[in-house]
Protein backbone atom coordinates (compact mmCIF):
# COMPACT_ATOMS: atom_id res chain seq x y z
CA MET A 1 282.02 73.52 -91.73
CA ALA A 2 279.82 76.24 -90.26
CA PRO A 3 281.23 77.87 -87.10
CA LEU A 4 279.60 77.40 -83.72
CA LYS A 5 278.08 80.68 -82.56
CA PHE A 6 277.97 81.53 -78.87
CA CYS A 7 275.31 83.62 -77.17
CA ALA A 8 274.94 85.34 -73.84
CA ASN A 9 272.68 83.76 -71.23
CA LEU A 10 270.94 86.81 -69.76
CA SER A 11 269.90 84.94 -66.63
CA TRP A 12 273.57 84.68 -65.59
CA LEU A 13 275.26 87.59 -67.33
CA PHE A 14 274.76 91.34 -66.91
CA THR A 15 272.83 90.68 -63.71
CA GLU A 16 273.71 94.13 -62.38
CA LEU A 17 270.91 95.30 -64.70
CA PRO A 18 267.47 94.50 -63.24
CA ASP A 19 265.50 94.09 -66.47
CA PHE A 20 266.12 91.70 -69.33
CA SER A 21 265.51 94.42 -71.90
CA GLN A 22 268.48 96.30 -70.42
CA ARG A 23 270.56 93.13 -70.54
CA ILE A 24 269.81 92.76 -74.26
CA PHE A 25 271.38 96.17 -74.84
CA ALA A 26 274.34 95.19 -72.65
CA ALA A 27 274.85 91.93 -74.55
CA ALA A 28 274.78 93.78 -77.86
CA ALA A 29 277.30 96.31 -76.57
CA ALA A 30 279.59 93.42 -75.52
CA GLY A 31 279.52 92.05 -79.06
CA PHE A 32 276.93 89.30 -78.76
CA GLN A 33 274.61 88.79 -81.70
CA ALA A 34 272.34 86.35 -79.87
CA VAL A 35 271.04 85.76 -76.34
CA GLU A 36 269.16 83.14 -74.36
CA ALA A 37 267.38 83.35 -71.02
CA ALA A 38 265.75 81.10 -68.47
CA TRP A 39 262.76 82.95 -67.07
CA LEU A 40 262.25 86.45 -68.43
CA TYR A 41 258.53 86.56 -67.75
CA GLU A 42 258.73 89.40 -65.24
CA SER A 43 259.94 91.65 -68.06
CA ASP A 44 257.41 93.40 -70.27
CA LEU A 45 257.24 91.72 -73.66
CA GLN A 46 256.94 95.00 -75.54
CA GLU A 47 260.05 96.36 -73.83
CA LEU A 48 261.93 93.22 -74.81
CA GLN A 49 260.72 93.59 -78.37
CA ARG A 50 261.88 97.20 -78.50
CA ALA A 51 265.31 96.24 -77.19
CA GLN A 52 265.56 93.43 -79.70
CA GLU A 53 264.52 95.66 -82.59
CA ALA A 54 266.97 98.37 -81.58
CA THR A 55 269.94 95.98 -81.27
CA GLY A 56 269.15 93.31 -83.84
CA VAL A 57 270.00 90.66 -81.24
CA GLU A 58 268.44 87.24 -81.79
CA VAL A 59 266.74 85.41 -78.91
CA VAL A 60 267.62 81.75 -79.45
CA LEU A 61 266.21 79.95 -76.38
CA ILE A 62 263.92 80.47 -73.40
CA ASN A 63 262.64 78.10 -70.72
CA THR A 64 259.09 77.26 -69.79
CA PRO A 65 258.07 78.99 -66.53
CA PRO A 66 259.27 77.27 -63.35
CA GLY A 67 255.88 77.17 -61.65
CA ASP A 68 255.93 78.45 -58.09
CA ALA A 69 259.65 79.09 -57.67
CA LYS A 70 259.19 80.27 -54.07
CA ALA A 71 257.66 76.89 -53.25
CA GLY A 72 260.60 75.09 -54.85
CA ASP A 73 259.30 74.46 -58.37
CA SER A 74 261.82 74.31 -61.20
CA GLY A 75 259.64 73.37 -64.14
CA LEU A 76 256.48 71.28 -64.25
CA GLY A 77 256.78 68.98 -67.26
CA ALA A 78 257.09 65.75 -65.27
CA VAL A 79 255.32 66.74 -62.06
CA PRO A 80 252.15 64.71 -61.37
CA GLU A 81 248.87 66.60 -60.93
CA ARG A 82 250.39 69.78 -62.39
CA GLU A 83 249.50 69.13 -66.03
CA THR A 84 247.16 72.13 -66.22
CA ASP A 85 249.85 74.40 -64.77
CA PHE A 86 252.35 73.05 -67.30
CA ARG A 87 250.03 73.80 -70.21
CA GLU A 88 249.35 77.31 -68.94
CA GLY A 89 253.09 77.87 -68.60
CA LEU A 90 253.65 76.56 -72.10
CA GLN A 91 251.20 79.12 -73.46
CA LEU A 92 253.06 81.91 -71.65
CA ALA A 93 256.38 80.68 -73.03
CA LEU A 94 254.83 80.49 -76.48
CA LYS A 95 253.61 84.08 -76.20
CA TYR A 96 257.10 85.33 -75.43
CA ALA A 97 258.79 83.04 -77.95
CA THR A 98 256.57 84.09 -80.83
CA GLY A 99 256.78 87.73 -79.79
CA LEU A 100 260.58 87.60 -79.85
CA GLY A 101 260.98 85.32 -82.85
CA CYS A 102 262.52 82.61 -80.64
CA LYS A 103 262.46 79.13 -82.20
CA ARG A 104 263.58 77.03 -79.21
CA ILE A 105 261.88 76.42 -75.86
CA HIS A 106 263.39 74.34 -73.06
CA LEU A 107 260.52 72.27 -71.63
CA MET A 108 261.65 71.89 -68.03
CA ALA A 109 260.91 68.56 -66.38
CA GLY A 110 260.88 69.80 -62.80
CA ARG A 111 261.81 68.28 -59.47
CA VAL A 112 260.74 65.17 -57.62
CA PRO A 113 257.91 66.33 -55.31
CA VAL A 114 258.89 67.08 -51.73
CA GLY A 115 258.40 64.04 -49.51
CA SER A 116 258.54 61.59 -52.43
CA HIS A 117 261.28 59.09 -53.19
CA ARG A 118 262.67 59.20 -56.72
CA ARG A 119 262.40 55.45 -57.32
CA GLU A 120 258.80 55.30 -56.11
CA VAL A 121 257.55 58.10 -58.39
CA ALA A 122 259.93 57.63 -61.34
CA GLN A 123 257.52 55.76 -63.60
CA GLU A 124 254.60 58.07 -62.85
CA MET A 125 256.74 61.14 -63.51
CA GLU A 126 258.05 59.68 -66.75
CA ASP A 127 254.52 58.95 -67.94
CA VAL A 128 253.43 62.51 -67.12
CA PHE A 129 256.49 63.93 -68.87
CA VAL A 130 255.94 61.88 -72.01
CA GLN A 131 252.31 62.96 -72.28
CA ASN A 132 253.16 66.61 -71.63
CA LEU A 133 255.93 66.50 -74.24
CA LYS A 134 253.60 65.00 -76.83
CA TYR A 135 251.10 67.76 -76.13
CA ALA A 136 253.81 70.42 -76.31
CA ALA A 137 255.17 69.01 -79.57
CA ASP A 138 251.81 69.42 -81.29
CA VAL A 139 251.36 72.96 -79.94
CA LEU A 140 254.87 74.08 -80.86
CA LEU A 141 254.74 72.51 -84.32
CA LYS A 142 252.05 75.00 -85.34
CA HIS A 143 254.51 77.82 -84.70
CA GLY A 144 257.64 76.20 -86.11
CA ILE A 145 259.22 75.98 -82.65
CA THR A 146 261.43 73.16 -81.36
CA GLY A 147 261.09 71.94 -77.78
CA PHE A 148 264.12 70.75 -75.83
CA ILE A 149 264.58 68.65 -72.71
CA GLU A 150 267.75 68.84 -70.63
CA PRO A 151 269.13 66.32 -68.11
CA ILE A 152 270.50 68.15 -65.09
CA ASN A 153 273.25 66.61 -62.98
CA THR A 154 271.86 65.65 -59.57
CA ARG A 155 275.37 65.32 -58.11
CA LEU A 156 276.48 68.77 -59.16
CA THR A 157 273.54 71.07 -59.77
CA ASP A 158 270.10 70.01 -58.52
CA PRO A 159 269.78 66.82 -56.41
CA THR A 160 266.01 66.56 -56.86
CA TYR A 161 265.63 67.32 -60.58
CA PHE A 162 263.74 64.49 -62.26
CA LEU A 163 265.58 64.30 -65.60
CA ASP A 164 269.06 63.44 -64.39
CA SER A 165 270.92 61.54 -67.13
CA PRO A 166 271.32 61.50 -70.92
CA HIS A 167 270.27 57.84 -70.98
CA GLN A 168 266.99 58.68 -69.27
CA ALA A 169 266.44 61.53 -71.73
CA VAL A 170 267.05 59.22 -74.69
CA ALA A 171 264.45 56.74 -73.45
CA ILE A 172 261.90 59.51 -72.96
CA LEU A 173 262.55 61.02 -76.40
CA GLU A 174 262.03 57.61 -77.97
CA LYS A 175 258.68 57.25 -76.21
CA VAL A 176 257.62 60.75 -77.25
CA GLY A 177 258.56 60.09 -80.85
CA LYS A 178 258.16 63.69 -82.03
CA PRO A 179 260.82 65.17 -84.35
CA ASN A 180 260.46 68.66 -82.89
CA ILE A 181 261.28 67.53 -79.33
CA LYS A 182 265.05 67.22 -78.96
CA LEU A 183 267.89 66.99 -76.48
CA GLN A 184 269.76 69.85 -74.84
CA MET A 185 272.88 68.98 -72.87
CA VAL A 186 275.49 70.67 -70.72
CA ILE A 187 278.34 68.79 -72.34
CA PHE A 188 281.11 69.84 -69.97
CA ARG A 189 279.22 68.23 -67.09
CA SER A 190 277.90 65.12 -68.80
CA PRO A 191 280.84 62.80 -68.01
CA ARG A 192 280.05 63.38 -64.33
CA PHE A 193 276.50 62.04 -64.57
CA GLN A 194 277.89 58.54 -63.99
CA ALA A 195 281.41 57.47 -63.13
CA GLY A 196 283.17 56.20 -66.24
CA MET A 197 280.27 57.05 -68.55
CA SER A 198 281.17 58.11 -72.07
CA LEU A 199 279.62 61.28 -73.47
CA THR A 200 276.36 60.33 -75.16
CA VAL A 201 275.45 62.19 -78.33
CA LEU A 202 272.28 61.42 -80.23
CA GLY A 203 271.65 61.27 -83.95
CA SER A 204 268.52 61.17 -86.11
CA SER A 205 265.68 62.97 -84.35
CA THR A 206 267.73 64.71 -81.68
CA THR A 207 270.15 67.60 -81.56
CA ALA A 208 272.76 68.07 -78.86
CA THR A 209 273.29 71.60 -77.61
CA SER A 210 275.64 72.54 -74.88
CA SER A 211 276.58 75.09 -72.27
CA VAL A 212 280.31 75.67 -72.01
CA PRO A 213 282.15 77.37 -69.14
CA TRP A 214 284.69 79.99 -70.15
CA ARG A 215 287.60 77.84 -69.03
CA SER A 216 286.71 75.08 -71.47
CA SER A 217 289.15 74.16 -74.22
CA THR A 218 286.23 74.03 -76.64
CA THR A 219 286.78 77.74 -77.23
CA ARG A 220 289.49 76.72 -79.73
CA ASP A 221 288.79 77.13 -83.45
CA THR A 222 288.00 73.44 -83.85
CA SER A 223 287.55 70.54 -81.48
CA GLY A 224 286.82 66.85 -81.71
CA VAL A 225 285.19 64.66 -79.06
CA ASN A 226 284.99 60.88 -79.26
CA THR A 227 281.55 59.69 -78.26
CA SER A 228 279.70 56.44 -77.80
CA HIS A 229 276.10 55.30 -77.56
CA SER A 230 274.06 52.18 -78.31
CA GLY A 231 274.85 52.40 -82.03
CA PRO A 232 278.12 52.84 -83.94
CA GLN A 233 280.71 55.22 -82.56
CA ARG A 234 280.42 58.79 -83.82
CA THR A 235 282.66 61.80 -83.62
CA VAL A 236 281.42 65.30 -82.95
CA TRP A 237 283.36 68.09 -84.62
CA GLY A 238 282.70 71.70 -83.81
CA GLY A 239 284.18 74.89 -85.14
CA SER A 240 283.72 77.72 -82.67
CA LYS A 241 283.17 81.40 -83.21
CA ILE A 242 283.33 83.46 -80.03
CA ILE A 243 281.15 86.53 -80.30
CA GLY A 244 281.92 87.99 -76.87
CA GLN A 245 285.12 90.04 -76.64
CA ALA A 246 285.93 89.97 -72.91
CA ARG A 247 288.94 87.77 -72.08
CA SER A 248 290.70 86.36 -69.05
CA ASN A 249 294.17 87.84 -68.61
CA GLU A 250 295.41 84.63 -67.01
CA HIS A 251 294.17 82.18 -69.65
CA ASN A 252 293.51 84.51 -72.60
CA LEU A 253 290.14 82.85 -73.08
CA PRO A 254 286.72 84.48 -73.57
CA ILE A 255 284.86 85.09 -70.32
CA ASN A 256 281.41 85.89 -71.63
CA VAL A 257 280.56 82.44 -72.93
CA MET A 258 279.31 80.88 -69.70
CA ASN A 259 276.10 78.95 -70.37
CA SER A 260 276.36 79.84 -74.04
CA ILE A 261 274.34 77.59 -76.31
CA PHE A 262 275.56 76.04 -79.51
CA CYS A 263 274.63 73.10 -81.70
CA VAL A 264 276.96 70.15 -82.22
CA ARG A 265 277.01 68.47 -85.61
CA ILE A 266 277.40 64.69 -85.82
CA GLN A 267 279.55 63.47 -88.72
């Protein structure tokens, strides 16, 4: 079984350094061989490329631009009447992804518009998201890039984010029907999406990825998680390889794996 490889999320780590190119060097110095980032678009692409070339660090994931973050945007994929903005943001993400050799882009759904009620706009937002994802799938396919969508917990993280459960994500992925649009999940939070809900892991056309806090027991060499979904029960097994070297004295666990991305194989 291939080991799970962790990477540093530069949006949350090494934040004492103002530029992402500097954070790439810091991640490499800490022992990371790969990094991800949310929005690195304020950094010069050529500077990022130079840092990457000098360190050999792989960029494994970036997000589409948030839109107008100062106005409260957090992605535009499902936001009505912002389709043009989403496509422009996708092109910017594509420019950085291709320039850095990144093969994964998180296509952010965005938030329920201010003044709107989730139930009243849910169908419209889903329709917009499905169409935007189909468009993105065709664009990304030309460059060999996979697009991901990620449900974000509205109880814990962002109360107005549109894509708020794995079940909702599954339904949307089925409607999109594109093999290069897949699922990205924060597995340690997923049981809290709904009380008593089992962890949902998808097969066939989707891939589960996860962000793990440093206190998680999944930093052991191997781990097994029983899962359930609409089909037969499956078990996810993951062997982990921690690239970061920093450790907690209290728990003797790696610290620098917060929001680290890895793929989970379904047996």
